[in-house]
C-alpha atoms as a PDB file:
ATOM      1  CA  MET A   1       0.000   0.000   0.000  1.00  0.00           C
ATOM      2  CA  LYS A   2       1.312   3.414  -0.952  1.00  0.00           C
ATOM      3  CA  LYS A   3       2.095   5.717   1.955  1.00  0.00           C
ATOM      4  CA  TYR A   4       1.703   8.958   0.008  1.00  0.00           C
ATOM      5  CA  GLU A   5       0.392  10.485  -3.166  1.00  0.00           C
ATOM      6  CA  LEU A   6       1.530  13.439  -5.218  1.00  0.00           C
ATOM      7  CA  VAL A   7      -0.750  16.472  -4.964  1.00  0.00           C
ATOM      8  CA  GLU A   8      -1.180  17.443  -8.610  1.00  0.00           C
ATOM      9  CA  ASN A   9      -2.384  20.996  -7.885  1.00  0.00           C
ATOM     10  CA  ASP A  10       0.269  21.755  -5.222  1.00  0.00           C
ATOM     11  CA  PHE A  11       3.575  22.087  -7.018  1.00  0.00           C
ATOM     12  CA  ILE A  12       6.546  24.378  -7.499  1.00  0.00           C
ATOM     13  CA  VAL A  13       8.978  24.723 -10.354  1.00  0.00           C
ATOM     14  CA  TYR A  14      12.559  24.642  -9.117  1.00  0.00           C
ATOM     15  CA  GLU A  15      15.542  24.875 -11.474  1.00  0.00           C
ATOM     16  CA  GLY A  16      13.124  24.175 -14.323  1.00  0.00           C
ATOM     17  CA  VAL A  17      11.814  20.969 -12.705  1.00  0.00           C
ATOM     18  CA  LYS A  18       8.188  20.579 -11.615  1.00  0.00           C
ATOM     19  CA  LEU A  19       8.075  19.276  -8.032  1.00  0.00           C
ATOM     20  CA  TYR A  20       4.889  18.025  -6.397  1.00  0.00           C
ATOM     21  CA  ARG A  21       3.932  18.128  -2.738  1.00  0.00           C
ATOM     22  CA  ALA A  22       3.684  14.678  -1.117  1.00  0.00           C
ATOM     23  CA  LYS A  23       0.574  13.923   0.940  1.00  0.00           C
ATOM     24  CA  ALA A  24       0.436  10.982   3.362  1.00  0.00           C
ATOM     25  CA  THR A  25      -2.223   8.374   2.593  1.00  0.00           C
ATOM     26  CA  ARG A  26      -1.533   6.331   5.739  1.00  0.00           C
ATOM     27  CA  ALA A  27      -0.103   6.975   9.182  1.00  0.00           C
ATOM     28  CA  PHE A  28       3.496   6.029   9.988  1.00  0.00           C
ATOM     29  CA  SER A  29       6.211   7.184  12.405  1.00  0.00           C
ATOM     30  CA  GLY A  30       4.680  10.501  13.486  1.00  0.00           C
ATOM     31  CA  VAL A  31       3.167  11.251  10.084  1.00  0.00           C
ATOM     32  CA  ASN A  32      -0.637  11.234   9.973  1.00  0.00           C
ATOM     33  CA  VAL A  33      -3.009  10.605   7.093  1.00  0.00           C
ATOM     34  CA  ASP A  34      -3.339  13.780   4.984  1.00  0.00           C
ATOM     35  CA  ASP A  35      -0.146  15.359   6.384  1.00  0.00           C
ATOM     36  CA  LEU A  36       1.633  17.334   3.699  1.00  0.00           C
ATOM     37  CA  GLY A  37       5.302  16.676   3.149  1.00  0.00           C
ATOM     38  CA  GLY A  38       7.957  18.309   1.050  1.00  0.00           C
ATOM     39  CA  TYR A  39       8.328  18.339  -2.718  1.00  0.00           C
ATOM     40  CA  ILE A  40       9.411  15.559  -5.055  1.00  0.00           C
ATOM     41  CA  GLU A  41       9.631  15.278  -8.806  1.00  0.00           C
ATOM     42  CA  LYS A  42       8.311  11.719  -9.022  1.00  0.00           C
ATOM     43  CA  GLU A  43       7.434   8.715  -6.886  1.00  0.00           C
ATOM     44  CA  ASP A  44      10.888   7.244  -7.543  1.00  0.00           C
ATOM     45  CA  ASN A  45      12.293   9.968  -5.251  1.00  0.00           C
ATOM     46  CA  LEU A  46      10.601   8.739  -2.043  1.00  0.00           C
ATOM     47  CA  SER A  47      10.209   5.082  -1.164  1.00  0.00           C
ATOM     48  CA  HIS A  48       6.791   3.781  -0.149  1.00  0.00           C
ATOM     49  CA  ASP A  49       8.563   1.223   2.075  1.00  0.00           C
ATOM     50  CA  GLY A  50       9.848   2.071   5.547  1.00  0.00           C
ATOM     51  CA  ASP A  51       9.166   5.340   7.362  1.00  0.00           C
ATOM     52  CA  ALA A  52      11.185   7.685   5.142  1.00  0.00           C
ATOM     53  CA  TRP A  53       9.577  11.109   4.768  1.00  0.00           C
ATOM     54  CA  ILE A  54      10.265  14.525   3.332  1.00  0.00           C
ATOM     55  CA  TYR A  55       9.082  17.405   5.517  1.00  0.00           C
ATOM     56  CA  ASP A  56       8.569  21.148   5.199  1.00  0.00           C
ATOM     57  CA  ASN A  57       9.937  22.699   2.000  1.00  0.00           C
ATOM     58  CA  ALA A  58      12.597  20.080   1.334  1.00  0.00           C
ATOM     59  CA  ARG A  59      12.976  19.271  -2.360  1.00  0.00           C
ATOM     60  CA  VAL A  60      14.086  15.974  -3.898  1.00  0.00           C
ATOM     61  CA  TYR A  61      14.428  15.507  -7.638  1.00  0.00           C
ATOM     62  CA  GLY A  62      16.362  13.919 -10.477  1.00  0.00           C
ATOM     63  CA  ASN A  63      17.266  10.327  -9.666  1.00  0.00           C
ATOM     64  CA  ALA A  64      17.731  11.046  -5.948  1.00  0.00           C
ATOM     65  CA  LEU A  65      16.094   8.623  -3.518  1.00  0.00           C
ATOM     66  CA  ILE A  66      14.988   8.907   0.108  1.00  0.00           C
ATOM     67  CA  SER A  67      14.420   5.456   1.649  1.00  0.00           C
ATOM     68  CA  GLY A  68      14.503   3.356   4.811  1.00  0.00           C
ATOM     69  CA  ASN A  69      13.588   5.495   7.810  1.00  0.00           C
ATOM     70  CA  ALA A  70      15.420   8.604   6.591  1.00  0.00           C
ATOM     71  CA  ARG A  71      14.081  12.088   7.276  1.00  0.00           C
ATOM     72  CA  VAL A  72      14.701  15.112   5.090  1.00  0.00           C
ATOM     73  CA  SER A  73      13.349  18.447   6.291  1.00  0.00           C
ATOM     74  CA  ASP A  74      13.478  22.232   6.316  1.00  0.00           C
ATOM     75  CA  ASP A  75      14.929  23.672   3.079  1.00  0.00           C
ATOM     76  CA  VAL A  76      17.144  20.741   2.121  1.00  0.00           C
ATOM     77  CA  LEU A  77      17.897  19.967  -1.522  1.00  0.00           C
ATOM     78  CA  VAL A  78      18.642  16.391  -2.628  1.00  0.00           C
ATOM     79  CA  PHE A  79      19.201  15.827  -6.326  1.00  0.00           C
ATOM     80  CA  GLY A  80      21.226  14.084  -8.998  1.00  0.00           C
ATOM     81  CA  ASN A  81      21.757  10.444  -8.065  1.00  0.00           C
ATOM     82  CA  ALA A  82      22.106  11.091  -4.333  1.00  0.00           C
ATOM     83  CA  GLN A  83      20.718   8.580  -1.846  1.00  0.00           C
ATOM     84  CA  ILE A  84      19.569   9.203   1.713  1.00  0.00           C
ATOM     85  CA  SER A  85      18.702   5.989   3.552  1.00  0.00           C
ATOM     86  CA  ASP A  86      18.534   4.023   6.793  1.00  0.00           C
ATOM     87  CA  ASN A  87      18.001   6.206   9.891  1.00  0.00           C
ATOM     88  CA  THR A  88      19.648   9.384   8.640  1.00  0.00           C
ATOM     89  CA  TRP A  89      18.396  12.909   9.104  1.00  0.00           C
ATOM     90  CA  VAL A  90      19.226  15.719   6.696  1.00  0.00           C
ATOM     91  CA  TYR A  91      17.939  19.140   7.696  1.00  0.00           C
ATOM     92  CA  GLY A  92      18.511  22.889   7.669  1.00  0.00           C
ATOM     93  CA  ASN A  93      19.768  24.208   4.338  1.00  0.00           C
ATOM     94  CA  ALA A  94      21.927  21.183   3.565  1.00  0.00           C
ATOM     95  CA  ARG A  95      22.567  20.038   0.008  1.00  0.00           C
ATOM     96  CA  VAL A  96      23.205  16.425  -1.005  1.00  0.00           C
ATOM     97  CA  TYR A  97      23.812  15.819  -4.696  1.00  0.00           C
ATOM     98  CA  GLY A  98      25.823  14.090  -7.377  1.00  0.00           C
ATOM     99  CA  ASN A  99      26.272  10.427  -6.464  1.00  0.00           C
ATOM    100  CA  ALA A 100      26.595  11.128  -2.738  1.00  0.00           C
ATOM    101  CA  TRP A 101      25.206   8.653  -0.237  1.00  0.00           C
ATOM    102  CA  VAL A 102      24.165   9.388   3.347  1.00  0.00           C
ATOM    103  CA  TYR A 103      23.184   6.329   5.380  1.00  0.00           C
ATOM    104  CA  GLY A 104      23.382   4.587   8.747  1.00  0.00           C
ATOM    105  CA  ASN A 105      22.546   7.005  11.564  1.00  0.00           C
ATOM    106  CA  ALA A 106      24.303   9.998  10.020  1.00  0.00           C
ATOM    107  CA  HIS A 107      23.164  13.614  10.320  1.00  0.00           C
ATOM    108  CA  VAL A 108      23.788  16.359   7.781  1.00  0.00           C
ATOM    109  CA  SER A 109      22.580  19.817   8.709  1.00  0.00           C
ATOM    110  CA  ASP A 110      22.871  23.577   8.575  1.00  0.00           C
ATOM    111  CA  ASN A 111      24.555  24.648   5.311  1.00  0.00           C
ATOM    112  CA  ALA A 112      26.594  21.473   4.813  1.00  0.00           C
ATOM    113  CA  GLN A 113      27.107  20.181   1.288  1.00  0.00           C
ATOM    114  CA  ILE A 114      27.730  16.559   0.354  1.00  0.00           C
ATOM    115  CA  SER A 115      28.560  15.902  -3.297  1.00  0.00           C
ATOM    116  CA  GLY A 116      30.521  13.836  -5.789  1.00  0.00           C
ATOM    117  CA  VAL A 117      30.632  10.201  -4.696  1.00  0.00           C
ATOM    118  CA  ALA A 118      31.141  11.121  -1.055  1.00  0.00           C
ATOM    119  CA  SER A 119      29.580   8.902   1.595  1.00  0.00           C
ATOM    120  CA  ILE A 120      28.541   9.843   5.113  1.00  0.00           C
ATOM    121  CA  PHE A 121      27.575   6.938   7.351  1.00  0.00           C
ATOM    122  CA  GLY A 122      27.703   5.380  10.785  1.00  0.00           C
ATOM    123  CA  ASP A 123      26.958   8.001  13.432  1.00  0.00           C
ATOM    124  CA  ALA A 124      28.827  10.742  11.570  1.00  0.00           C
ATOM    125  CA  TRP A 125      27.573  14.303  11.721  1.00  0.00           C
ATOM    126  CA  VAL A 126      28.393  16.920   9.084  1.00  0.00           C
ATOM    127  CA  TYR A 127      27.123  20.399   9.816  1.00  0.00           C
ATOM    128  CA  SER A 128      27.670  24.148   9.755  1.00  0.00           C
ATOM    129  CA  ASN A 129      29.294  25.130   6.427  1.00  0.00           C
ATOM    130  CA  ALA A 130      31.268  21.917   5.934  1.00  0.00           C
ATOM    131  CA  SER A 131      31.688  20.604   2.404  1.00  0.00           C
ATOM    132  CA  ILE A 132      32.398  16.938   1.714  1.00  0.00           C
ATOM    133  CA  SER A 133      33.023  16.045  -1.923  1.00  0.00           C
ATOM    134  CA  GLY A 134      34.926  13.857  -4.351  1.00  0.00           C
ATOM    135  CA  ASP A 135      35.209  10.300  -3.071  1.00  0.00           C
ATOM    136  CA  ALA A 136      35.578  11.288   0.574  1.00  0.00           C
ATOM    137  CA  SER A 137      34.112   9.002   3.223  1.00  0.00           C
ATOM    138  CA  ILE A 138      33.097  10.196   6.693  1.00  0.00           C
ATOM    139  CA  SER A 139      32.063   7.519   9.169  1.00  0.00           C
ATOM    140  CA  GLY A 140      32.020   6.281  12.742  1.00  0.00           C
ATOM    141  CA  ASN A 141      31.448   9.032  15.282  1.00  0.00           C
ATOM    142  CA  ALA A 142      33.170  11.693  13.181  1.00  0.00           C
ATOM    143  CA  SER A 143      31.945  15.265  13.481  1.00  0.00           C
ATOM    144  CA  ILE A 144      32.847  17.663  10.668  1.00  0.00           C
ATOM    145  CA  SER A 145      31.826  21.296  11.019  1.00  0.00           C
ATOM    146  CA  GLY A 146      32.769  24.925  10.565  1.00  0.00           C
ATOM    147  CA  ASN A 147      34.140  25.770   7.145  1.00  0.00           C
ATOM    148  CA  ALA A 148      35.843  22.389   6.711  1.00  0.00           C
ATOM    149  CA  ILE A 149      36.398  21.206   3.154  1.00  0.00           C
ATOM    150  CA  ILE A 150      37.137  17.524   2.642  1.00  0.00           C
ATOM    151  CA  GLN A 151      37.669  16.190  -0.866  1.00  0.00           C
END
């Protein structure tokens, strides 16, 4: 059973891409029936399995996928082939794009940017204005913040 539907008359156009508001069709993990979520381009961007959800004005498009029990909120952008999965939380004004992958129990927040084929996993936390790119891998209990740039 699908956990959400796209609201055809509630959309925005961002970077030339039409993004539709998600609306919950069943209750799960703090989300109630008829709760409005963030914006996605297509159903392939948000899994119907697990408790993954996009909140607020977060936008997910391209071939990006939110799955597992992941939460994406606030003004986050996830695009390209990026994947957010497991029990991760991406919030604030964070950007995750390219072929980046955030999974495990990781947190990405504030103005952090994750791109390239970078992976953030375990209990890692990337926040503030940190930028992780290239094929960098941040894991374990690592905490990357400030204006750090890791490539």
